[in-house]
N, C-alpha and C. Protein backbone atom coordinates (compact mmCIF):
# COMPACT_ATOMS: atom_id res chain seq x y z
N MET A 1 52.29 -79.22 -99.70
CA MET A 1 51.67 -79.06 -98.46
C MET A 1 52.28 -77.82 -97.75
N GLY A 2 53.19 -78.08 -96.91
CA GLY A 2 53.91 -77.02 -96.23
C GLY A 2 53.13 -76.50 -95.07
N ARG A 3 53.69 -75.37 -94.56
CA ARG A 3 53.07 -74.81 -93.34
C ARG A 3 51.89 -73.95 -93.74
N PRO A 4 50.92 -73.80 -92.81
CA PRO A 4 49.75 -72.92 -93.10
C PRO A 4 50.32 -71.46 -92.98
N PRO A 5 49.66 -70.51 -93.63
CA PRO A 5 50.14 -69.15 -93.52
C PRO A 5 49.92 -68.61 -92.08
N LYS A 6 50.88 -67.73 -91.71
CA LYS A 6 50.74 -67.12 -90.39
C LYS A 6 49.55 -66.21 -90.27
N VAL A 7 48.95 -66.26 -89.16
CA VAL A 7 47.76 -65.42 -88.89
C VAL A 7 48.29 -64.25 -88.06
N LYS A 8 47.96 -63.04 -88.43
CA LYS A 8 48.32 -61.93 -87.62
C LYS A 8 47.60 -61.91 -86.26
N ALA A 9 48.41 -61.73 -85.27
CA ALA A 9 47.80 -61.68 -83.94
C ALA A 9 47.13 -60.24 -83.68
N PRO A 10 46.05 -60.27 -82.91
CA PRO A 10 45.45 -58.97 -82.59
C PRO A 10 46.45 -58.08 -81.90
N PRO A 11 46.32 -56.81 -82.02
CA PRO A 11 47.27 -55.92 -81.36
C PRO A 11 47.18 -56.09 -79.84
N VAL A 12 48.34 -56.08 -79.22
CA VAL A 12 48.48 -56.21 -77.80
C VAL A 12 48.09 -54.87 -77.10
N ALA A 13 47.41 -54.96 -76.08
CA ALA A 13 47.07 -53.73 -75.36
C ALA A 13 48.30 -53.16 -74.67
N ALA A 14 48.25 -51.95 -74.26
CA ALA A 14 49.37 -51.33 -73.62
C ALA A 14 49.72 -52.09 -72.33
N ALA A 15 51.00 -52.04 -72.01
CA ALA A 15 51.40 -52.81 -70.84
C ALA A 15 50.76 -52.26 -69.52
N ARG A 16 50.73 -50.89 -69.45
CA ARG A 16 50.19 -50.31 -68.29
C ARG A 16 49.03 -49.42 -68.65
N PRO A 17 47.97 -49.49 -67.90
CA PRO A 17 46.86 -48.61 -68.18
C PRO A 17 47.23 -47.20 -67.85
N PRO A 18 46.67 -46.21 -68.45
CA PRO A 18 47.01 -44.85 -68.17
C PRO A 18 46.66 -44.50 -66.75
N LEU A 19 47.57 -43.84 -66.08
CA LEU A 19 47.34 -43.41 -64.67
C LEU A 19 46.47 -42.23 -64.61
N MET A 20 45.70 -42.09 -63.51
CA MET A 20 44.91 -40.93 -63.36
C MET A 20 45.82 -39.75 -63.04
N LYS A 21 45.28 -38.57 -63.27
CA LYS A 21 46.06 -37.39 -63.12
C LYS A 21 45.92 -36.89 -61.62
N TYR A 22 46.81 -36.01 -61.19
CA TYR A 22 46.80 -35.58 -59.85
C TYR A 22 45.49 -35.00 -59.44
N ALA A 23 44.87 -34.20 -60.22
CA ALA A 23 43.55 -33.53 -59.89
C ALA A 23 42.56 -34.60 -59.74
N GLU A 24 42.54 -35.67 -60.58
CA GLU A 24 41.58 -36.75 -60.40
C GLU A 24 41.72 -37.57 -59.08
N ALA A 25 43.06 -37.66 -58.69
CA ALA A 25 43.29 -38.29 -57.41
C ALA A 25 42.77 -37.50 -56.23
N VAL A 26 42.96 -36.21 -56.31
CA VAL A 26 42.41 -35.26 -55.27
C VAL A 26 40.93 -35.40 -55.20
N LYS A 27 40.29 -35.41 -56.39
CA LYS A 27 38.82 -35.54 -56.45
C LYS A 27 38.36 -36.81 -55.85
N LEU A 28 39.09 -37.91 -56.10
CA LEU A 28 38.76 -39.21 -55.56
C LEU A 28 38.90 -39.29 -54.05
N ALA A 29 39.92 -38.53 -53.57
CA ALA A 29 40.13 -38.49 -52.10
C ALA A 29 38.96 -37.68 -51.45
N ASP A 30 38.49 -36.68 -52.10
CA ASP A 30 37.34 -35.89 -51.60
C ASP A 30 36.02 -36.79 -51.59
N LYS A 31 35.90 -37.58 -52.61
CA LYS A 31 34.75 -38.48 -52.61
C LYS A 31 34.86 -39.44 -51.45
N ASN A 32 36.07 -39.95 -51.20
CA ASN A 32 36.26 -40.89 -50.09
C ASN A 32 35.87 -40.32 -48.84
N SER A 33 36.21 -39.05 -48.58
CA SER A 33 35.84 -38.37 -47.30
C SER A 33 34.39 -38.24 -47.15
N ARG A 34 33.72 -37.94 -48.21
CA ARG A 34 32.15 -37.80 -48.16
C ARG A 34 31.61 -39.17 -47.87
N THR A 35 32.13 -40.24 -48.54
CA THR A 35 31.61 -41.56 -48.29
C THR A 35 31.85 -42.03 -46.84
N ILE A 36 32.95 -41.69 -46.29
CA ILE A 36 33.24 -42.02 -44.86
C ILE A 36 32.24 -41.39 -43.97
N MET A 37 31.92 -40.12 -44.30
CA MET A 37 30.97 -39.40 -43.45
C MET A 37 29.56 -40.06 -43.54
N LYS A 38 29.19 -40.44 -44.75
CA LYS A 38 27.86 -41.19 -44.92
C LYS A 38 27.81 -42.44 -44.14
N ILE A 39 28.95 -43.23 -44.22
CA ILE A 39 29.05 -44.44 -43.45
C ILE A 39 28.92 -44.18 -41.90
N SER A 40 29.59 -43.21 -41.41
CA SER A 40 29.57 -42.91 -40.03
C SER A 40 28.14 -42.46 -39.55
N GLN A 41 27.46 -41.68 -40.47
CA GLN A 41 26.11 -41.24 -40.10
C GLN A 41 25.20 -42.41 -40.03
N LEU A 42 25.28 -43.33 -41.02
CA LEU A 42 24.41 -44.53 -41.11
C LEU A 42 24.74 -45.48 -39.90
N MET A 43 25.97 -45.55 -39.48
CA MET A 43 26.35 -46.37 -38.31
C MET A 43 25.73 -45.85 -37.05
N GLU A 44 25.58 -44.47 -36.91
CA GLU A 44 24.93 -43.90 -35.81
C GLU A 44 23.42 -44.20 -35.78
N VAL A 45 22.81 -44.29 -36.99
CA VAL A 45 21.40 -44.58 -37.11
C VAL A 45 21.11 -46.04 -36.68
N ILE A 46 22.04 -46.93 -37.01
CA ILE A 46 21.84 -48.30 -36.63
C ILE A 46 21.89 -48.54 -35.20
N HIS A 47 22.67 -47.74 -34.46
CA HIS A 47 22.79 -47.93 -33.01
C HIS A 47 21.75 -47.19 -32.21
N MET A 48 20.87 -46.54 -32.90
CA MET A 48 19.72 -45.80 -32.20
C MET A 48 18.85 -46.86 -31.66
N PRO A 49 18.14 -46.60 -30.56
CA PRO A 49 17.08 -47.51 -29.97
C PRO A 49 15.91 -47.52 -30.92
N GLY A 50 15.35 -48.71 -31.16
CA GLY A 50 14.20 -48.93 -32.00
C GLY A 50 14.49 -48.96 -33.46
N HIS A 51 15.80 -49.16 -33.79
CA HIS A 51 16.15 -49.23 -35.20
C HIS A 51 15.63 -50.53 -35.84
N ALA A 52 15.65 -51.61 -35.08
CA ALA A 52 15.21 -52.92 -35.58
C ALA A 52 13.79 -52.89 -36.07
N GLN A 53 12.97 -52.22 -35.34
CA GLN A 53 11.52 -52.12 -35.66
C GLN A 53 11.28 -51.21 -36.95
N ALA A 54 12.11 -50.15 -37.04
CA ALA A 54 11.93 -49.21 -38.14
C ALA A 54 12.50 -49.73 -39.42
N ASP A 55 13.47 -50.57 -39.36
CA ASP A 55 14.10 -51.14 -40.62
C ASP A 55 14.20 -52.61 -40.51
N PRO A 56 13.03 -53.31 -40.70
CA PRO A 56 13.12 -54.87 -40.51
C PRO A 56 13.89 -55.53 -41.53
N LYS A 57 14.00 -54.96 -42.80
CA LYS A 57 14.65 -55.60 -43.90
C LYS A 57 16.17 -55.26 -43.96
N ASP A 58 16.57 -54.44 -42.99
CA ASP A 58 17.97 -54.05 -42.85
C ASP A 58 18.51 -53.41 -44.13
N ARG A 59 17.76 -52.42 -44.57
CA ARG A 59 18.17 -51.69 -45.83
C ARG A 59 19.37 -50.78 -45.51
N ILE A 60 19.42 -50.29 -44.27
CA ILE A 60 20.55 -49.43 -43.90
C ILE A 60 21.81 -50.22 -43.89
N GLY A 61 21.81 -51.49 -43.39
CA GLY A 61 22.94 -52.25 -43.35
C GLY A 61 23.40 -52.63 -44.75
N ALA A 62 22.53 -52.87 -45.66
CA ALA A 62 22.83 -53.09 -47.06
C ALA A 62 23.50 -51.87 -47.69
N GLN A 63 22.97 -50.73 -47.31
CA GLN A 63 23.49 -49.46 -47.86
C GLN A 63 24.92 -49.20 -47.30
N ILE A 64 25.16 -49.55 -46.09
CA ILE A 64 26.52 -49.45 -45.48
C ILE A 64 27.46 -50.45 -46.21
N ALA A 65 27.04 -51.60 -46.44
CA ALA A 65 27.87 -52.56 -47.15
C ALA A 65 28.24 -52.08 -48.54
N ASN A 66 27.26 -51.50 -49.26
CA ASN A 66 27.50 -50.93 -50.55
C ASN A 66 28.52 -49.77 -50.52
N LEU A 67 28.39 -48.90 -49.50
CA LEU A 67 29.25 -47.76 -49.40
C LEU A 67 30.68 -48.23 -49.05
N ARG A 68 30.80 -49.26 -48.19
CA ARG A 68 32.11 -49.80 -47.83
C ARG A 68 32.76 -50.40 -49.01
N SER A 69 32.06 -51.21 -49.88
CA SER A 69 32.68 -51.78 -51.00
C SER A 69 33.18 -50.68 -52.04
N ARG A 70 32.30 -49.62 -52.15
CA ARG A 70 32.69 -48.51 -53.07
C ARG A 70 33.89 -47.82 -52.50
N LEU A 71 33.98 -47.62 -51.22
CA LEU A 71 35.20 -46.97 -50.58
C LEU A 71 36.37 -47.84 -50.80
N ASN A 72 36.27 -49.17 -50.63
CA ASN A 72 37.36 -50.05 -50.84
C ASN A 72 37.89 -50.02 -52.27
N ARG A 73 37.00 -49.98 -53.20
CA ARG A 73 37.45 -49.90 -54.67
C ARG A 73 38.24 -48.66 -54.89
N ARG A 74 37.68 -47.51 -54.41
CA ARG A 74 38.39 -46.28 -54.59
C ARG A 74 39.75 -46.24 -53.86
N LEU A 75 39.82 -46.84 -52.68
CA LEU A 75 41.09 -46.88 -51.95
C LEU A 75 42.10 -47.71 -52.65
N VAL A 76 41.64 -48.81 -53.28
CA VAL A 76 42.60 -49.66 -54.03
C VAL A 76 43.12 -48.86 -55.26
N LYS A 77 42.22 -48.11 -55.93
CA LYS A 77 42.62 -47.28 -57.03
C LYS A 77 43.67 -46.27 -56.69
N LEU A 78 43.39 -45.61 -55.52
CA LEU A 78 44.40 -44.59 -55.04
C LEU A 78 45.71 -45.19 -54.65
N ALA A 79 45.64 -46.39 -54.04
CA ALA A 79 46.93 -47.10 -53.61
C ALA A 79 47.72 -47.48 -54.87
N LYS A 80 47.10 -47.95 -55.90
CA LYS A 80 47.75 -48.23 -57.15
C LYS A 80 48.45 -46.93 -57.69
N TRP A 81 47.71 -45.85 -57.66
CA TRP A 81 48.29 -44.58 -58.14
C TRP A 81 49.43 -44.12 -57.27
N ALA A 82 49.32 -44.30 -55.99
CA ALA A 82 50.37 -43.85 -55.12
C ALA A 82 51.64 -44.68 -55.23
N ASP A 83 51.44 -45.97 -55.57
CA ASP A 83 52.55 -46.87 -55.67
C ASP A 83 53.35 -46.63 -56.94
N SER A 84 52.82 -45.96 -57.94
CA SER A 84 53.53 -45.69 -59.21
C SER A 84 54.61 -44.69 -58.91
N SER A 85 55.54 -44.54 -59.89
CA SER A 85 56.69 -43.64 -59.70
C SER A 85 56.14 -42.25 -59.71
N SER A 86 56.82 -41.31 -59.04
CA SER A 86 56.35 -39.97 -58.92
C SER A 86 56.38 -39.22 -60.29
N GLU A 87 57.26 -39.65 -61.21
CA GLU A 87 57.24 -39.00 -62.54
C GLU A 87 55.94 -39.37 -63.24
N ASP A 88 55.45 -40.58 -63.07
CA ASP A 88 54.23 -40.93 -63.76
C ASP A 88 53.06 -40.21 -63.18
N ARG A 89 53.06 -40.05 -61.82
CA ARG A 89 51.90 -39.49 -61.18
C ARG A 89 51.79 -37.93 -61.43
N HIS A 90 52.96 -37.27 -61.41
CA HIS A 90 52.93 -35.84 -61.53
C HIS A 90 53.40 -35.29 -62.84
N GLY A 91 53.60 -36.16 -63.84
CA GLY A 91 54.15 -35.71 -65.08
C GLY A 91 53.46 -34.52 -65.68
N GLU A 92 52.18 -34.54 -65.93
CA GLU A 92 51.45 -33.47 -66.52
C GLU A 92 51.35 -32.31 -65.57
N PHE A 93 51.30 -32.57 -64.32
CA PHE A 93 51.14 -31.47 -63.32
C PHE A 93 52.42 -30.66 -63.29
N ARG A 94 53.56 -31.25 -63.29
CA ARG A 94 54.85 -30.60 -63.21
C ARG A 94 55.24 -29.94 -64.52
N ASN A 95 54.95 -30.60 -65.62
CA ASN A 95 55.41 -30.03 -66.91
C ASN A 95 54.50 -29.02 -67.51
N ASN A 96 53.42 -28.67 -66.86
CA ASN A 96 52.47 -27.73 -67.40
C ASN A 96 52.91 -26.34 -67.02
N PRO A 97 53.45 -25.57 -67.97
CA PRO A 97 53.92 -24.17 -67.69
C PRO A 97 52.72 -23.21 -67.33
N GLN A 98 51.57 -23.58 -67.70
CA GLN A 98 50.45 -22.67 -67.50
C GLN A 98 49.84 -22.91 -66.11
N HIS A 99 50.34 -23.92 -65.36
CA HIS A 99 49.79 -24.16 -64.13
C HIS A 99 50.09 -22.96 -63.10
N ASN A 100 49.13 -22.52 -62.44
CA ASN A 100 49.25 -21.36 -61.49
C ASN A 100 49.67 -21.87 -60.18
N TYR A 101 50.98 -21.83 -59.86
CA TYR A 101 51.44 -22.27 -58.57
C TYR A 101 51.04 -21.29 -57.56
N PRO A 102 50.53 -21.70 -56.35
CA PRO A 102 50.01 -20.78 -55.36
C PRO A 102 51.16 -19.98 -54.73
N TYR A 103 52.42 -20.55 -54.68
CA TYR A 103 53.48 -19.82 -54.04
C TYR A 103 54.56 -19.37 -55.05
N ARG A 104 54.12 -19.00 -56.22
CA ARG A 104 55.12 -18.56 -57.25
C ARG A 104 55.89 -17.41 -56.82
N SER A 105 55.36 -16.51 -56.03
CA SER A 105 56.03 -15.33 -55.65
C SER A 105 57.18 -15.65 -54.64
N LEU A 106 57.08 -16.79 -53.93
CA LEU A 106 58.10 -17.08 -53.09
C LEU A 106 59.33 -17.82 -53.69
N ILE A 107 59.11 -18.30 -54.97
CA ILE A 107 60.17 -18.95 -55.66
C ILE A 107 61.02 -17.92 -56.35
N LYS A 108 62.34 -17.97 -56.02
CA LYS A 108 63.28 -17.02 -56.65
C LYS A 108 63.75 -17.56 -57.97
N PRO A 109 63.82 -16.76 -58.99
CA PRO A 109 64.33 -17.24 -60.32
C PRO A 109 65.82 -17.52 -60.30
């Protein structure tokens, strides 16, 4: 009889998911600012007189809720990125010798 043969376990996924790059974080922050502007514009529309008659199904309110949840997801993503160590966040940005630094002429060799 004896023991049954060992079954190989499926490969374990990486402990940490790959972090987004610095440029992706900047792009995400830009998206957030545009989303905030959309939310503020829709909030102004809601407070206009006669809004209830023009939008009886409250589609604008649903759109605001959708934009808020999208913004919240993005902010959580940026917060996780910001909480990681700075080496992980800027690794590729700092180690790229081809990166064109805007103030390179001010840096003395």
